[in-house]
Amino acid sequence: MLTIRLKRMGAKKVPFYRVVVQDSRRAPSSRPIEEVGTYDPLQKPALVKLDRTRIDAWIAKGAKASETLRSLLKKTPAQV
């Protein structure tokens, strides 16, 4: 099953996240299928860059979004 989730990057106490599409049966540190955005919680306000068209396409193909990603999708406005 495919999941769309956050992959933690960055140094200790300096988190930076990539939004990736990944097989849920693989290790979290394994290579993702596609990177569809970034999230930087340390900037004020938090910097969220999401490719909504690619995320919607993956969800249409059956991928499930994680709880954290669903909350980010609700907070960020849809780009037209």
N, C-alpha and C. Protein backbone atom coordinates (compact mmCIF):
# COMPACT_ATOMS: atom_id res chain seq x y z
N MET A 1 0.84 -1.17 0.00
CA MET A 1 0.00 0.00 0.00
C MET A 1 0.89 1.25 0.00
N LEU A 2 0.51 2.21 -0.77
CA LEU A 2 1.26 3.46 -0.86
C LEU A 2 0.76 4.45 0.18
N THR A 3 1.70 5.17 0.79
CA THR A 3 1.34 6.22 1.74
C THR A 3 2.04 7.52 1.33
N ILE A 4 1.39 8.61 1.64
CA ILE A 4 1.98 9.94 1.44
C ILE A 4 2.25 10.45 2.84
N ARG A 5 3.52 10.67 3.16
CA ARG A 5 3.90 10.99 4.52
C ARG A 5 5.08 11.94 4.55
N LEU A 6 5.44 12.35 5.76
CA LEU A 6 6.59 13.23 5.95
C LEU A 6 7.83 12.38 6.21
N LYS A 7 8.93 12.78 5.58
CA LYS A 7 10.22 12.13 5.80
C LYS A 7 11.12 13.16 6.46
N ARG A 8 11.60 12.85 7.66
CA ARG A 8 12.39 13.81 8.41
C ARG A 8 13.80 13.91 7.85
N MET A 9 14.24 15.14 7.67
CA MET A 9 15.59 15.44 7.22
C MET A 9 16.16 16.47 8.20
N GLY A 10 17.34 16.95 7.93
CA GLY A 10 17.92 17.99 8.76
C GLY A 10 18.73 17.43 9.90
N ALA A 11 19.31 18.33 10.65
CA ALA A 11 20.19 17.96 11.76
C ALA A 11 19.39 17.81 13.06
N LYS A 12 20.11 17.44 14.10
CA LYS A 12 19.52 17.29 15.42
C LYS A 12 18.94 18.62 15.88
N LYS A 13 17.70 18.61 16.30
CA LYS A 13 16.96 19.79 16.77
C LYS A 13 16.74 20.85 15.69
N VAL A 14 16.96 20.50 14.44
CA VAL A 14 16.70 21.39 13.31
C VAL A 14 15.94 20.58 12.25
N PRO A 15 14.67 20.25 12.51
CA PRO A 15 13.95 19.38 11.58
C PRO A 15 13.54 20.08 10.30
N PHE A 16 13.54 19.32 9.25
CA PHE A 16 13.06 19.74 7.94
C PHE A 16 12.42 18.50 7.34
N TYR A 17 11.28 18.63 6.73
CA TYR A 17 10.56 17.45 6.25
C TYR A 17 10.33 17.52 4.75
N ARG A 18 10.38 16.37 4.11
CA ARG A 18 9.98 16.22 2.72
C ARG A 18 8.69 15.42 2.70
N VAL A 19 7.76 15.82 1.85
CA VAL A 19 6.52 15.07 1.68
C VAL A 19 6.77 14.08 0.55
N VAL A 20 6.67 12.78 0.86
CA VAL A 20 7.03 11.75 -0.10
C VAL A 20 5.92 10.72 -0.25
N VAL A 21 5.89 10.10 -1.42
CA VAL A 21 5.03 8.94 -1.67
C VAL A 21 5.93 7.73 -1.52
N GLN A 22 5.50 6.79 -0.64
CA GLN A 22 6.37 5.67 -0.32
C GLN A 22 5.52 4.43 -0.03
N ASP A 23 6.08 3.26 -0.31
CA ASP A 23 5.44 2.00 0.01
C ASP A 23 5.47 1.83 1.52
N SER A 24 4.32 1.56 2.14
CA SER A 24 4.26 1.46 3.59
C SER A 24 4.97 0.22 4.13
N ARG A 25 5.25 -0.75 3.29
CA ARG A 25 5.91 -1.96 3.75
C ARG A 25 7.43 -1.80 3.83
N ARG A 26 7.96 -0.72 3.31
CA ARG A 26 9.41 -0.48 3.35
C ARG A 26 9.79 0.36 4.57
N ALA A 27 11.06 0.38 4.85
CA ALA A 27 11.58 1.17 5.97
C ALA A 27 11.37 2.66 5.70
N PRO A 28 11.13 3.44 6.74
CA PRO A 28 10.93 4.88 6.56
C PRO A 28 12.12 5.59 5.91
N SER A 29 13.32 5.05 6.08
CA SER A 29 14.50 5.70 5.51
C SER A 29 14.81 5.23 4.09
N SER A 30 13.99 4.35 3.54
CA SER A 30 14.25 3.85 2.19
C SER A 30 13.90 4.90 1.13
N ARG A 31 14.26 4.59 -0.10
CA ARG A 31 14.07 5.54 -1.20
C ARG A 31 12.58 5.71 -1.53
N PRO A 32 12.09 6.95 -1.59
CA PRO A 32 10.68 7.18 -1.90
C PRO A 32 10.41 7.03 -3.41
N ILE A 33 9.14 6.86 -3.73
CA ILE A 33 8.74 6.77 -5.13
C ILE A 33 8.77 8.16 -5.78
N GLU A 34 8.25 9.15 -5.04
CA GLU A 34 8.24 10.52 -5.56
C GLU A 34 8.20 11.51 -4.40
N GLU A 35 8.87 12.63 -4.58
CA GLU A 35 8.80 13.72 -3.61
C GLU A 35 7.79 14.74 -4.11
N VAL A 36 6.79 15.06 -3.27
CA VAL A 36 5.71 15.94 -3.71
C VAL A 36 5.59 17.23 -2.90
N GLY A 37 6.59 17.52 -2.06
CA GLY A 37 6.54 18.78 -1.32
C GLY A 37 7.54 18.83 -0.20
N THR A 38 7.54 19.97 0.51
CA THR A 38 8.42 20.18 1.66
C THR A 38 7.64 20.87 2.77
N TYR A 39 8.17 20.73 3.99
CA TYR A 39 7.57 21.37 5.17
C TYR A 39 8.69 21.77 6.10
N ASP A 40 8.78 23.06 6.42
CA ASP A 40 9.80 23.59 7.33
C ASP A 40 9.09 24.23 8.52
N PRO A 41 9.00 23.51 9.65
CA PRO A 41 8.26 24.03 10.80
C PRO A 41 9.00 25.11 11.58
N LEU A 42 10.28 25.30 11.36
CA LEU A 42 11.04 26.27 12.14
C LEU A 42 10.87 27.70 11.67
N GLN A 43 10.47 27.89 10.42
CA GLN A 43 10.24 29.25 9.94
C GLN A 43 8.93 29.77 10.52
N LYS A 44 8.86 31.06 10.71
CA LYS A 44 7.64 31.68 11.24
C LYS A 44 7.03 32.57 10.18
N PRO A 45 5.87 32.30 9.65
CA PRO A 45 5.07 31.08 9.83
C PRO A 45 5.73 29.88 9.13
N ALA A 46 5.29 28.70 9.49
CA ALA A 46 5.85 27.47 8.94
C ALA A 46 5.72 27.47 7.41
N LEU A 47 6.77 27.07 6.73
CA LEU A 47 6.80 27.06 5.27
C LEU A 47 6.33 25.71 4.76
N VAL A 48 5.22 25.71 4.03
CA VAL A 48 4.66 24.47 3.48
C VAL A 48 4.55 24.64 1.97
N LYS A 49 5.25 23.78 1.22
CA LYS A 49 5.17 23.78 -0.24
C LYS A 49 4.70 22.40 -0.66
N LEU A 50 3.49 22.33 -1.22
CA LEU A 50 2.92 21.05 -1.64
C LEU A 50 2.50 21.12 -3.09
N ASP A 51 2.77 20.06 -3.84
CA ASP A 51 2.29 19.94 -5.21
C ASP A 51 0.93 19.24 -5.14
N ARG A 52 -0.12 20.06 -5.00
CA ARG A 52 -1.47 19.51 -4.77
C ARG A 52 -1.95 18.63 -5.92
N THR A 53 -1.56 18.96 -7.15
CA THR A 53 -2.02 18.14 -8.27
C THR A 53 -1.43 16.74 -8.21
N ARG A 54 -0.15 16.63 -7.85
CA ARG A 54 0.49 15.31 -7.73
C ARG A 54 -0.07 14.54 -6.53
N ILE A 55 -0.33 15.24 -5.41
CA ILE A 55 -0.89 14.58 -4.23
C ILE A 55 -2.28 14.05 -4.56
N ASP A 56 -3.11 14.86 -5.22
CA ASP A 56 -4.45 14.41 -5.60
C ASP A 56 -4.39 13.24 -6.58
N ALA A 57 -3.41 13.26 -7.48
CA ALA A 57 -3.26 12.16 -8.43
C ALA A 57 -2.90 10.86 -7.71
N TRP A 58 -2.01 10.93 -6.73
CA TRP A 58 -1.63 9.74 -5.98
C TRP A 58 -2.78 9.23 -5.13
N ILE A 59 -3.56 10.13 -4.54
CA ILE A 59 -4.72 9.71 -3.75
C ILE A 59 -5.75 9.05 -4.65
N ALA A 60 -5.91 9.55 -5.87
CA ALA A 60 -6.83 8.93 -6.83
C ALA A 60 -6.37 7.53 -7.22
N LYS A 61 -5.06 7.30 -7.17
CA LYS A 61 -4.51 5.97 -7.49
C LYS A 61 -4.57 5.01 -6.30
N GLY A 62 -5.00 5.51 -5.13
CA GLY A 62 -5.16 4.64 -3.98
C GLY A 62 -4.21 4.88 -2.83
N ALA A 63 -3.36 5.88 -2.92
CA ALA A 63 -2.43 6.18 -1.82
C ALA A 63 -3.19 6.81 -0.66
N LYS A 64 -2.74 6.51 0.55
CA LYS A 64 -3.36 7.06 1.76
C LYS A 64 -2.44 8.13 2.34
N ALA A 65 -3.02 9.25 2.74
CA ALA A 65 -2.25 10.33 3.37
C ALA A 65 -2.17 10.08 4.87
N SER A 66 -1.02 10.39 5.48
CA SER A 66 -0.86 10.23 6.92
C SER A 66 -1.68 11.30 7.64
N GLU A 67 -1.88 11.09 8.95
CA GLU A 67 -2.64 12.06 9.75
C GLU A 67 -2.02 13.45 9.70
N THR A 68 -0.71 13.51 9.82
CA THR A 68 -0.01 14.79 9.82
C THR A 68 -0.17 15.49 8.48
N LEU A 69 -0.06 14.74 7.41
CA LEU A 69 -0.21 15.34 6.08
C LEU A 69 -1.65 15.81 5.87
N ARG A 70 -2.62 15.06 6.35
CA ARG A 70 -4.02 15.51 6.21
C ARG A 70 -4.24 16.83 6.93
N SER A 71 -3.63 17.01 8.11
CA SER A 71 -3.79 18.27 8.82
C SER A 71 -3.09 19.41 8.08
N LEU A 72 -1.94 19.13 7.45
CA LEU A 72 -1.27 20.16 6.64
C LEU A 72 -2.10 20.53 5.42
N LEU A 73 -2.74 19.54 4.80
CA LEU A 73 -3.57 19.81 3.63
C LEU A 73 -4.76 20.68 3.99
N LYS A 74 -5.31 20.50 5.18
CA LYS A 74 -6.43 21.32 5.63
C LYS A 74 -6.00 22.76 5.90
N LYS A 75 -4.77 22.93 6.42
CA LYS A 75 -4.29 24.26 6.80
C LYS A 75 -3.84 25.10 5.61
N THR A 76 -3.32 24.44 4.56
CA THR A 76 -2.82 25.19 3.42
C THR A 76 -3.94 25.41 2.40
N PRO A 77 -4.03 26.59 1.84
CA PRO A 77 -5.08 26.86 0.85
C PRO A 77 -4.81 26.11 -0.45
N ALA A 78 -5.87 25.71 -1.12
CA ALA A 78 -5.74 25.02 -2.39
C ALA A 78 -5.28 26.04 -3.44
N GLN A 79 -4.27 25.64 -4.21
CA GLN A 79 -3.74 26.52 -5.24
C GLN A 79 -4.45 26.23 -6.55
N VAL A 80 -4.90 27.31 -7.17
CA VAL A 80 -5.64 27.16 -8.43
C VAL A 80 -4.75 27.47 -9.60
